[in-house]
Amino acid sequence: MGINNRVDLPFDELEVGQTFRTGGRTITEADVVNYCALTGNWIEIHSNKHYAGQTRFGKRLVQGSLTYSIMTGLIQFGPSIQANYGIDNLRYLKPVAIDDTIYVTAEVTAKKEKDDKYGVTTFLMKALNQDGYVVQRSEWSLLMLRRREDLEALLAASLPTEKQPEKK
């Protein structure tokens, strides 16, 4: 399976079992330090090399929430997504270390019609490390526009059209 990381389809065009897959993204020292600064999450296992070296892991680890944030960016969801409906069964299965590379798969596992205009799609999200091990897994539900016509109408209403300069 190749890289297919862009979910541009509305709800009605997605099928249960359909899977999206990303290329890899190496999580760097800069990512971890910037995330510590952004969130205030300076927990020792993430920020203190000496401390982390004394733990069962023997090194600093990437924050689980940073890994999840990167996962949701690697799978590029298009404008049919209207809202984050919830994250269920989020599990950290193996540690992610600085300089690990993650790859993401997102499989459509459920679809539920909400009304005539919206539906909720659930994706089984998995992050695999460079060795092929699943390091993080969750079920992410998103509120989506159902029909292509509604998506096109929203885009037409929200994208500006170029205007010519006024003549003096």
N, C-alpha and C. Protein backbone atom coordinates (compact mmCIF):
# COMPACT_ATOMS: atom_id res chain seq x y z
N MET A 1 0.85 -1.18 0.00
CA MET A 1 0.00 0.00 0.00
C MET A 1 0.89 1.24 0.00
N GLY A 2 0.60 2.18 -0.86
CA GLY A 2 1.36 3.41 -0.96
C GLY A 2 0.86 4.48 -0.01
N ILE A 3 1.38 5.67 -0.20
CA ILE A 3 0.97 6.81 0.63
C ILE A 3 -0.33 7.37 0.07
N ASN A 4 -1.31 7.49 0.94
CA ASN A 4 -2.62 8.05 0.61
C ASN A 4 -3.09 8.74 1.88
N ASN A 5 -2.57 9.93 2.15
CA ASN A 5 -2.79 10.54 3.46
C ASN A 5 -3.78 11.69 3.47
N ARG A 6 -4.47 11.93 2.39
CA ARG A 6 -5.39 13.06 2.36
C ARG A 6 -6.84 12.57 2.29
N VAL A 7 -7.62 12.91 3.32
CA VAL A 7 -9.03 12.54 3.38
C VAL A 7 -9.83 13.74 2.88
N ASP A 8 -10.12 13.74 1.59
CA ASP A 8 -10.84 14.85 0.96
C ASP A 8 -12.30 14.53 0.69
N LEU A 9 -12.72 13.34 1.03
CA LEU A 9 -14.07 12.89 0.68
C LEU A 9 -15.09 13.29 1.73
N PRO A 10 -16.32 13.58 1.29
CA PRO A 10 -17.38 13.77 2.27
C PRO A 10 -17.82 12.42 2.83
N PHE A 11 -18.59 12.46 3.90
CA PHE A 11 -19.06 11.28 4.62
C PHE A 11 -19.64 10.21 3.70
N ASP A 12 -20.54 10.60 2.80
CA ASP A 12 -21.23 9.62 1.95
C ASP A 12 -20.31 8.88 0.99
N GLU A 13 -19.11 9.42 0.72
CA GLU A 13 -18.19 8.78 -0.21
C GLU A 13 -17.13 7.91 0.47
N LEU A 14 -17.09 7.95 1.80
CA LEU A 14 -16.17 7.09 2.54
C LEU A 14 -16.80 5.72 2.75
N GLU A 15 -15.98 4.69 2.80
CA GLU A 15 -16.47 3.33 3.02
C GLU A 15 -15.79 2.71 4.21
N VAL A 16 -16.56 1.97 5.02
CA VAL A 16 -15.96 1.24 6.13
C VAL A 16 -14.91 0.29 5.56
N GLY A 17 -13.74 0.27 6.18
CA GLY A 17 -12.63 -0.53 5.70
C GLY A 17 -11.62 0.26 4.89
N GLN A 18 -12.02 1.41 4.39
CA GLN A 18 -11.11 2.26 3.62
C GLN A 18 -9.98 2.73 4.54
N THR A 19 -8.74 2.63 4.06
CA THR A 19 -7.58 2.96 4.89
C THR A 19 -6.70 4.00 4.22
N PHE A 20 -6.26 4.94 5.01
CA PHE A 20 -5.35 5.99 4.57
C PHE A 20 -4.01 5.76 5.27
N ARG A 21 -2.93 6.09 4.58
CA ARG A 21 -1.59 5.83 5.12
C ARG A 21 -0.66 6.99 4.77
N THR A 22 0.20 7.35 5.74
CA THR A 22 1.11 8.46 5.55
C THR A 22 2.53 7.98 5.29
N GLY A 23 3.37 8.92 4.86
CA GLY A 23 4.80 8.71 4.89
C GLY A 23 5.28 8.91 6.32
N GLY A 24 6.57 8.84 6.52
CA GLY A 24 7.14 8.95 7.85
C GLY A 24 7.44 10.37 8.27
N ARG A 25 7.50 10.55 9.58
CA ARG A 25 7.87 11.84 10.18
C ARG A 25 8.73 11.55 11.39
N THR A 26 9.99 12.00 11.37
CA THR A 26 10.89 11.82 12.50
C THR A 26 10.62 12.89 13.55
N ILE A 27 10.44 12.46 14.78
CA ILE A 27 10.17 13.39 15.88
C ILE A 27 11.52 13.80 16.48
N THR A 28 11.80 15.08 16.46
CA THR A 28 13.12 15.60 16.80
C THR A 28 13.17 16.19 18.21
N GLU A 29 14.38 16.47 18.62
CA GLU A 29 14.62 17.19 19.89
C GLU A 29 13.87 18.52 19.89
N ALA A 30 13.93 19.23 18.78
CA ALA A 30 13.23 20.52 18.68
C ALA A 30 11.73 20.35 18.87
N ASP A 31 11.15 19.30 18.30
CA ASP A 31 9.71 19.05 18.49
C ASP A 31 9.38 18.92 19.97
N VAL A 32 10.18 18.12 20.68
CA VAL A 32 9.90 17.85 22.10
C VAL A 32 10.06 19.11 22.94
N VAL A 33 11.14 19.85 22.73
CA VAL A 33 11.37 21.06 23.51
C VAL A 33 10.30 22.11 23.20
N ASN A 34 9.96 22.28 21.93
CA ASN A 34 8.90 23.24 21.58
C ASN A 34 7.57 22.83 22.19
N TYR A 35 7.27 21.55 22.22
CA TYR A 35 6.02 21.08 22.81
C TYR A 35 6.03 21.30 24.33
N CYS A 36 7.18 21.07 24.97
CA CYS A 36 7.30 21.37 26.40
C CYS A 36 6.98 22.84 26.65
N ALA A 37 7.56 23.71 25.85
CA ALA A 37 7.36 25.15 26.02
C ALA A 37 5.91 25.55 25.74
N LEU A 38 5.33 24.98 24.71
CA LEU A 38 3.96 25.32 24.33
C LEU A 38 2.95 24.88 25.38
N THR A 39 3.12 23.67 25.91
CA THR A 39 2.13 23.09 26.81
C THR A 39 2.46 23.24 28.29
N GLY A 40 3.72 23.54 28.59
CA GLY A 40 4.14 23.57 29.99
C GLY A 40 4.41 22.17 30.54
N ASN A 41 4.44 21.18 29.67
CA ASN A 41 4.66 19.79 30.07
C ASN A 41 6.17 19.53 30.13
N TRP A 42 6.78 19.93 31.23
CA TRP A 42 8.22 19.74 31.44
C TRP A 42 8.48 18.53 32.33
N ILE A 43 7.61 17.54 32.27
CA ILE A 43 7.80 16.34 33.09
C ILE A 43 9.19 15.78 32.81
N GLU A 44 9.85 15.31 33.86
CA GLU A 44 11.27 14.91 33.79
C GLU A 44 11.56 13.90 32.68
N ILE A 45 10.69 12.95 32.44
CA ILE A 45 10.95 11.92 31.43
C ILE A 45 11.09 12.53 30.02
N HIS A 46 10.52 13.73 29.84
CA HIS A 46 10.58 14.41 28.54
C HIS A 46 11.71 15.44 28.47
N SER A 47 12.09 15.99 29.61
CA SER A 47 12.94 17.18 29.58
C SER A 47 14.28 17.05 30.30
N ASN A 48 14.49 15.99 31.06
CA ASN A 48 15.71 15.87 31.87
C ASN A 48 16.46 14.60 31.47
N LYS A 49 17.53 14.78 30.70
CA LYS A 49 18.29 13.65 30.17
C LYS A 49 18.86 12.77 31.30
N HIS A 50 19.40 13.40 32.34
CA HIS A 50 19.98 12.62 33.44
C HIS A 50 18.90 11.79 34.15
N TYR A 51 17.79 12.42 34.47
CA TYR A 51 16.69 11.71 35.11
C TYR A 51 16.20 10.56 34.23
N ALA A 52 15.93 10.87 32.96
CA ALA A 52 15.39 9.86 32.04
C ALA A 52 16.34 8.68 31.89
N GLY A 53 17.63 8.95 31.96
CA GLY A 53 18.62 7.89 31.85
C GLY A 53 18.55 6.89 33.00
N GLN A 54 17.96 7.29 34.11
CA GLN A 54 17.85 6.41 35.28
C GLN A 54 16.54 5.61 35.30
N THR A 55 15.65 5.88 34.34
CA THR A 55 14.35 5.20 34.32
C THR A 55 14.45 3.88 33.57
N ARG A 56 13.38 3.13 33.58
CA ARG A 56 13.34 1.85 32.87
C ARG A 56 13.56 2.00 31.37
N PHE A 57 13.32 3.22 30.84
CA PHE A 57 13.48 3.46 29.40
C PHE A 57 14.91 3.86 29.05
N GLY A 58 15.66 4.42 30.00
CA GLY A 58 17.05 4.76 29.79
C GLY A 58 17.30 6.00 28.94
N LYS A 59 16.22 6.69 28.57
CA LYS A 59 16.38 7.89 27.72
C LYS A 59 15.10 8.70 27.79
N ARG A 60 15.19 9.93 27.26
CA ARG A 60 14.01 10.80 27.22
C ARG A 60 12.99 10.25 26.23
N LEU A 61 11.74 10.48 26.54
CA LEU A 61 10.65 10.02 25.67
C LEU A 61 9.85 11.21 25.14
N VAL A 62 9.20 10.98 24.03
CA VAL A 62 8.31 11.96 23.42
C VAL A 62 6.97 11.90 24.16
N GLN A 63 6.37 13.06 24.39
CA GLN A 63 5.06 13.11 25.02
C GLN A 63 4.04 12.36 24.16
N GLY A 64 3.19 11.57 24.79
CA GLY A 64 2.15 10.86 24.06
C GLY A 64 1.22 11.81 23.32
N SER A 65 0.92 12.93 23.95
CA SER A 65 0.03 13.89 23.31
C SER A 65 0.70 14.57 22.11
N LEU A 66 2.02 14.70 22.14
CA LEU A 66 2.73 15.22 20.96
C LEU A 66 2.65 14.21 19.83
N THR A 67 2.87 12.95 20.14
CA THR A 67 2.75 11.91 19.11
C THR A 67 1.37 11.95 18.49
N TYR A 68 0.33 12.07 19.32
CA TYR A 68 -1.04 12.13 18.79
C TYR A 68 -1.23 13.36 17.90
N SER A 69 -0.71 14.49 18.34
CA SER A 69 -0.85 15.71 17.54
C SER A 69 -0.18 15.56 16.18
N ILE A 70 0.98 14.95 16.16
CA ILE A 70 1.67 14.73 14.89
C ILE A 70 0.88 13.76 14.02
N MET A 71 0.29 12.73 14.64
CA MET A 71 -0.54 11.78 13.88
C MET A 71 -1.66 12.49 13.14
N THR A 72 -2.34 13.40 13.85
CA THR A 72 -3.50 14.07 13.25
C THR A 72 -3.08 15.05 12.16
N GLY A 73 -1.81 15.46 12.16
CA GLY A 73 -1.30 16.31 11.09
C GLY A 73 -0.82 15.51 9.90
N LEU A 74 -0.30 14.31 10.15
CA LEU A 74 0.18 13.48 9.04
C LEU A 74 -0.99 12.99 8.18
N ILE A 75 -2.11 12.65 8.82
CA ILE A 75 -3.33 12.36 8.06
C ILE A 75 -3.97 13.72 7.82
N GLN A 76 -4.01 14.14 6.59
CA GLN A 76 -4.51 15.48 6.26
C GLN A 76 -5.99 15.42 5.94
N PHE A 77 -6.78 15.91 6.87
CA PHE A 77 -8.22 15.91 6.69
C PHE A 77 -8.65 17.18 5.99
N GLY A 78 -9.46 17.02 4.94
CA GLY A 78 -9.91 18.14 4.14
C GLY A 78 -11.09 18.86 4.76
N PRO A 79 -11.67 19.79 4.01
CA PRO A 79 -12.69 20.69 4.54
C PRO A 79 -14.05 20.04 4.81
N SER A 80 -14.22 18.76 4.48
CA SER A 80 -15.50 18.12 4.83
C SER A 80 -15.59 17.89 6.34
N ILE A 81 -14.45 17.95 7.04
CA ILE A 81 -14.44 17.81 8.50
C ILE A 81 -14.98 19.10 9.10
N GLN A 82 -16.00 18.96 9.95
CA GLN A 82 -16.62 20.12 10.57
C GLN A 82 -16.29 20.24 12.06
N ALA A 83 -16.02 19.12 12.73
CA ALA A 83 -15.71 19.19 14.16
C ALA A 83 -15.10 17.87 14.62
N ASN A 84 -14.28 17.98 15.65
CA ASN A 84 -13.75 16.81 16.34
C ASN A 84 -14.85 16.32 17.27
N TYR A 85 -15.31 15.10 17.07
CA TYR A 85 -16.43 14.56 17.85
C TYR A 85 -15.97 13.82 19.09
N GLY A 86 -14.72 13.33 19.09
CA GLY A 86 -14.20 12.67 20.28
C GLY A 86 -13.12 11.66 19.95
N ILE A 87 -12.32 11.37 20.97
CA ILE A 87 -11.26 10.37 20.88
C ILE A 87 -11.56 9.31 21.93
N ASP A 88 -11.64 8.06 21.50
CA ASP A 88 -11.93 6.96 22.42
C ASP A 88 -10.79 5.95 22.39
N ASN A 89 -10.64 5.27 23.51
CA ASN A 89 -9.69 4.15 23.62
C ASN A 89 -8.28 4.52 23.19
N LEU A 90 -7.83 5.72 23.55
CA LEU A 90 -6.46 6.14 23.25
C LEU A 90 -5.51 5.34 24.13
N ARG A 91 -4.57 4.65 23.48
CA ARG A 91 -3.60 3.83 24.21
C ARG A 91 -2.20 4.09 23.69
N TYR A 92 -1.28 4.20 24.64
CA TYR A 92 0.15 4.32 24.33
C TYR A 92 0.74 2.93 24.51
N LEU A 93 1.06 2.26 23.42
CA LEU A 93 1.43 0.85 23.46
C LEU A 93 2.92 0.61 23.60
N LYS A 94 3.72 1.52 23.08
CA LYS A 94 5.18 1.44 23.19
C LYS A 94 5.70 2.87 23.29
N PRO A 95 6.82 3.06 23.98
CA PRO A 95 7.36 4.42 24.07
C PRO A 95 7.87 4.91 22.72
N VAL A 96 7.78 6.22 22.54
CA VAL A 96 8.34 6.88 21.37
C VAL A 96 9.51 7.73 21.87
N ALA A 97 10.66 7.51 21.29
CA ALA A 97 11.87 8.23 21.69
C ALA A 97 12.18 9.34 20.69
N ILE A 98 12.95 10.31 21.15
CA ILE A 98 13.43 11.36 20.25
C ILE A 98 14.21 10.68 19.13
N ASP A 99 13.98 11.11 17.91
CA ASP A 99 14.56 10.58 16.67
C ASP A 99 13.88 9.31 16.16
N ASP A 100 12.80 8.87 16.81
CA ASP A 100 11.98 7.82 16.21
C ASP A 100 11.18 8.42 15.06
N THR A 101 10.85 7.60 14.10
CA THR A 101 10.02 8.02 12.97
C THR A 101 8.69 7.30 13.07
N ILE A 102 7.61 8.06 12.93
CA ILE A 102 6.29 7.44 12.97
C ILE A 102 5.62 7.54 11.60
N TYR A 103 4.80 6.55 11.34
CA TYR A 103 3.95 6.44 10.15
C TYR A 103 2.54 6.23 10.69
N VAL A 104 1.55 6.73 9.98
CA VAL A 104 0.18 6.67 10.50
C VAL A 104 -0.74 5.97 9.51
N THR A 105 -1.63 5.15 10.05
CA THR A 105 -2.73 4.62 9.26
C THR A 105 -4.03 5.08 9.93
N ALA A 106 -5.03 5.34 9.11
CA ALA A 106 -6.36 5.72 9.58
C ALA A 106 -7.37 4.90 8.79
N GLU A 107 -8.03 3.98 9.46
CA GLU A 107 -9.01 3.11 8.81
C GLU A 107 -10.42 3.52 9.22
N VAL A 108 -11.29 3.68 8.25
CA VAL A 108 -12.69 3.97 8.54
C VAL A 108 -13.30 2.72 9.16
N THR A 109 -13.73 2.82 10.41
CA THR A 109 -14.29 1.66 11.11
C THR A 109 -15.79 1.77 11.35
N ALA A 110 -16.33 2.98 11.31
CA ALA A 110 -17.77 3.14 11.53
C ALA A 110 -18.24 4.45 10.92
N LYS A 111 -19.50 4.44 10.51
CA LYS A 111 -20.16 5.64 9.99
C LYS A 111 -21.56 5.69 10.58
N LYS A 112 -21.95 6.87 11.05
CA LYS A 112 -23.30 7.04 11.60
C LYS A 112 -23.89 8.34 11.07
N GLU A 113 -25.03 8.22 10.40
CA GLU A 113 -25.71 9.41 9.90
C GLU A 113 -26.26 10.19 11.08
N LYS A 114 -26.00 11.49 11.09
CA LYS A 114 -26.51 12.34 12.17
C LYS A 114 -27.82 12.99 11.75
N ASP A 115 -27.83 13.55 10.55
CA ASP A 115 -29.04 14.14 9.97
C ASP A 115 -28.81 14.22 8.46
N ASP A 116 -29.62 15.00 7.77
CA ASP A 116 -29.50 15.06 6.31
C ASP A 116 -28.19 15.69 5.84
N LYS A 117 -27.58 16.51 6.67
CA LYS A 117 -26.39 17.25 6.24
C LYS A 117 -25.09 16.70 6.82
N TYR A 118 -25.14 16.02 7.97
CA TYR A 118 -23.92 15.61 8.66
C TYR A 118 -23.93 14.13 9.02
N GLY A 119 -22.72 13.60 9.13
CA GLY A 119 -22.53 12.24 9.62
C GLY A 119 -21.27 12.20 10.48
N VAL A 120 -21.15 11.17 11.31
CA VAL A 120 -19.97 10.99 12.14
C VAL A 120 -19.21 9.77 11.64
N THR A 121 -17.95 10.00 11.30
CA THR A 121 -17.07 8.92 10.83
C THR A 121 -16.05 8.62 11.92
N THR A 122 -15.85 7.34 12.20
CA THR A 122 -14.85 6.92 13.18
C THR A 122 -13.69 6.26 12.45
N PHE A 123 -12.50 6.71 12.79
CA PHE A 123 -11.26 6.19 12.21
C PHE A 123 -10.48 5.47 13.30
N LEU A 124 -9.97 4.28 12.99
CA LEU A 124 -9.00 3.62 13.86
C LEU A 124 -7.64 4.20 13.47
N MET A 125 -7.08 5.00 14.36
CA MET A 125 -5.80 5.67 14.12
C MET A 125 -4.69 4.85 14.76
N LYS A 126 -3.65 4.58 13.99
CA LYS A 126 -2.49 3.86 14.51
C LYS A 126 -1.22 4.59 14.10
N ALA A 127 -0.30 4.73 15.06
CA ALA A 127 1.04 5.22 14.76
C ALA A 127 1.98 4.03 14.85
N LEU A 128 2.73 3.81 13.78
CA LEU A 128 3.74 2.76 13.76
C LEU A 128 5.11 3.41 13.81
N ASN A 129 6.05 2.80 14.53
CA ASN A 129 7.40 3.33 14.52
C ASN A 129 8.18 2.78 13.32
N GLN A 130 9.42 3.17 13.22
CA GLN A 130 10.26 2.78 12.08
C GLN A 130 10.49 1.28 12.01
N ASP A 131 10.24 0.57 13.12
CA ASP A 131 10.40 -0.88 13.13
C ASP A 131 9.09 -1.62 12.85
N GLY A 132 8.00 -0.86 12.63
CA GLY A 132 6.72 -1.47 12.32
C GLY A 132 5.83 -1.77 13.51
N TYR A 133 6.26 -1.38 14.71
CA TYR A 133 5.44 -1.62 15.91
C TYR A 133 4.42 -0.51 16.08
N VAL A 134 3.20 -0.88 16.47
CA VAL A 134 2.17 0.11 16.78
C VAL A 134 2.53 0.72 18.14
N VAL A 135 2.77 2.02 18.15
CA VAL A 135 3.16 2.70 19.38
C VAL A 135 1.99 3.45 20.01
N GLN A 136 0.99 3.77 19.21
CA GLN A 136 -0.18 4.48 19.72
C GLN A 136 -1.39 4.10 18.88
N ARG A 137 -2.55 3.98 19.55
CA ARG A 137 -3.78 3.59 18.86
C ARG A 137 -4.95 4.32 19.50
N SER A 138 -5.92 4.71 18.68
CA SER A 138 -7.13 5.34 19.21
C SER A 138 -8.23 5.27 18.16
N GLU A 139 -9.43 5.59 18.60
CA GLU A 139 -10.59 5.71 17.71
C GLU A 139 -10.99 7.17 17.71
N TRP A 140 -10.90 7.79 16.54
CA TRP A 140 -11.15 9.22 16.42
C TRP A 140 -12.42 9.42 15.60
N SER A 141 -13.39 10.09 16.20
CA SER A 141 -14.66 10.35 15.53
C SER A 141 -14.73 11.81 15.12
N LEU A 142 -15.17 12.03 13.87
CA LEU A 142 -15.23 13.37 13.31
C LEU A 142 -16.60 13.63 12.69
N LEU A 143 -17.13 14.82 12.96
CA LEU A 143 -18.36 15.26 12.32
C LEU A 143 -18.00 15.76 10.93
N MET A 144 -18.70 15.21 9.92
CA MET A 144 -18.36 15.52 8.54
C MET A 144 -19.60 15.91 7.75
N LEU A 145 -19.37 16.74 6.73
CA LEU A 145 -20.44 16.99 5.76
C LEU A 145 -20.71 15.69 5.02
N ARG A 146 -21.98 15.41 4.76
CA ARG A 146 -22.34 14.15 4.12
C ARG A 146 -22.15 14.17 2.61
N ARG A 147 -22.62 15.23 1.97
CA ARG A 147 -22.71 15.21 0.51
C ARG A 147 -21.69 16.13 -0.15
N ARG A 148 -21.25 15.72 -1.31
CA ARG A 148 -20.30 16.50 -2.12
C ARG A 148 -20.89 17.88 -2.43
N GLU A 149 -22.20 17.97 -2.73
CA GLU A 149 -22.81 19.27 -3.05
C GLU A 149 -22.68 20.26 -1.90
N ASP A 150 -22.87 19.77 -0.66
CA ASP A 150 -22.75 20.65 0.51
C ASP A 150 -21.31 21.11 0.70
N LEU A 151 -20.36 20.21 0.46
CA LEU A 151 -18.95 20.56 0.56
C LEU A 151 -18.59 21.62 -0.48
N GLU A 152 -19.01 21.41 -1.72
CA GLU A 152 -18.71 22.37 -2.78
C GLU A 152 -19.36 23.73 -2.51
N ALA A 153 -20.59 23.73 -1.97
CA ALA A 153 -21.27 24.99 -1.65
C ALA A 153 -20.53 25.73 -0.53
N LEU A 154 -20.07 25.00 0.48
CA LEU A 154 -19.32 25.62 1.57
C LEU A 154 -18.01 26.22 1.05
N LEU A 155 -17.31 25.47 0.20
CA LEU A 155 -16.05 25.98 -0.35
C LEU A 155 -16.30 27.21 -1.22
N ALA A 156 -17.34 27.17 -2.03
CA ALA A 156 -17.65 28.31 -2.90
C ALA A 156 -17.97 29.56 -2.07
N ALA A 157 -18.65 29.37 -0.94
CA ALA A 157 -19.03 30.50 -0.10
C ALA A 157 -17.85 31.02 0.74
N SER A 158 -16.85 30.18 0.97
CA SER A 158 -15.77 30.57 1.88
C SER A 158 -14.48 30.98 1.20
N LEU A 159 -14.33 30.67 -0.08
CA LEU A 159 -13.10 31.06 -0.78
C LEU A 159 -13.30 32.38 -1.50
N PRO A 160 -12.39 33.33 -1.30
CA PRO A 160 -12.56 34.63 -1.96
C PRO A 160 -12.28 34.52 -3.45
N THR A 161 -12.89 35.41 -4.19
CA THR A 161 -12.57 35.51 -5.61
C THR A 161 -11.71 36.76 -5.79
N GLU A 162 -10.82 36.68 -6.73
CA GLU A 162 -9.90 37.79 -6.96
C GLU A 162 -10.66 38.98 -7.52
N LYS A 163 -10.36 40.14 -6.98
CA LYS A 163 -10.96 41.38 -7.46
C LYS A 163 -9.91 42.22 -8.16
N GLN A 164 -10.35 42.92 -9.17
CA GLN A 164 -9.46 43.81 -9.91
C GLN A 164 -9.34 45.11 -9.14
N PRO A 165 -8.16 45.72 -9.19
CA PRO A 165 -7.99 47.02 -8.51
C PRO A 165 -8.96 48.05 -9.08
N GLU A 166 -9.38 48.90 -8.21
CA GLU A 166 -10.28 49.98 -8.66
C GLU A 166 -9.50 50.95 -9.53
N LYS A 167 -10.13 51.40 -10.60
CA LYS A 167 -9.48 52.36 -11.49
C LYS A 167 -9.74 53.77 -10.96
N LYS A 168 -8.70 54.57 -11.04
CA LYS A 168 -8.81 55.93 -10.53
C LYS A 168 -9.07 56.92 -11.62
